[in-house]
Amino acid sequence: MSNLKDKVAVVTGGNGVLGGAIAMGLAAEGVKVGILGRSEETVQARVKEIENAGGKAMALVADVLDEHKLETARESIKKAFGKVDILVNAAGGNIKGATITPDQSIFDLNVGDFDKVNELNFKGTVLPTLVFAKGMVGQKKGSIINISSLAASRALTRVMGYSAAKAAVDNFTKWLAVEMAQKYGDGIRVNAIAPGFFIGEQNRDLLLNEDGSLTSRGETIVKQTPMNRFGRPEELQGAANWLAGDNSSFVTGTVIAVDGGFGAFSGV
């Protein structure tokens, strides 16, 4: 029997590509999953997908930057499923003005968009944690899984704002792991997964041409990845399920790369 069966998870951004794959992976192990996202249509579609596969899920329509709506979502899932054992902070993404294209320089940075990308990725991780971790403290048990990026630890061209925001997520993950263990005991753990390059809705046009062939940036990335390909969303499920369950009970404060070796390769 899975050590995850009958646990309850909230997956922010569970209506997206990577968050959705993680939610599906948890549900397949018997976890009851709350799909939290801003778009009711895509949230409901993910819930239906999980239910059609035999899992249990519910829709939580909320913005990760709206504390009141997050609190309403928390009460809804507690009423339906009784508790929250697992929080996956998968909501995030990039914003065009916080990137530096090849024909731009750092002086072209849109500071307003830089603030927005930091809010979405960093504050959008902190706020749900503040809301959903309270119940974990009460039950003295829980697993928080943040979604970082290899961009947090490697300097990638273009994605300046996103990289800075994800580096903050890494730091918060380690800081909160220490805070929780020292103040509330060894039952509440905080870790992160740092995906390498996966094809999502936001980066598809940057990495793939219309005919499915690689763009020049896509080619550079694949050449720099020892496994010589992009990741498949379902390849995040193993790490997420492990961190969510009791098999990782002595693991906290870690950032686990799921990147095909990209972070290990020097290019030589």
Foldseek 3Di string as FASTA:
>chain_A
DALLALAEEEQEVCLWFQVVLQQLLSQVSHYEYEYEEQDPVSQVVSQVVSVVVVGHYDYQHDQLLDLVSLLVSQVVCCVVRVAHAEYELPWADADQLQWADPVGDPVSRDVVRLVVRLCRQAVSLVSNCVNRCVRCLVVLAHEYEYEAAVLCVDPDHTNRSNNVSSVNVLVCQLVVQVVCCVPRNLRYAGEYEHEYADDTPRCPVVAADPVGDGDPVVCVLLLLQPQSDHDRSNLCNVVSSCRGGCVCSVDHSYYHYPYNCNVVGPSD
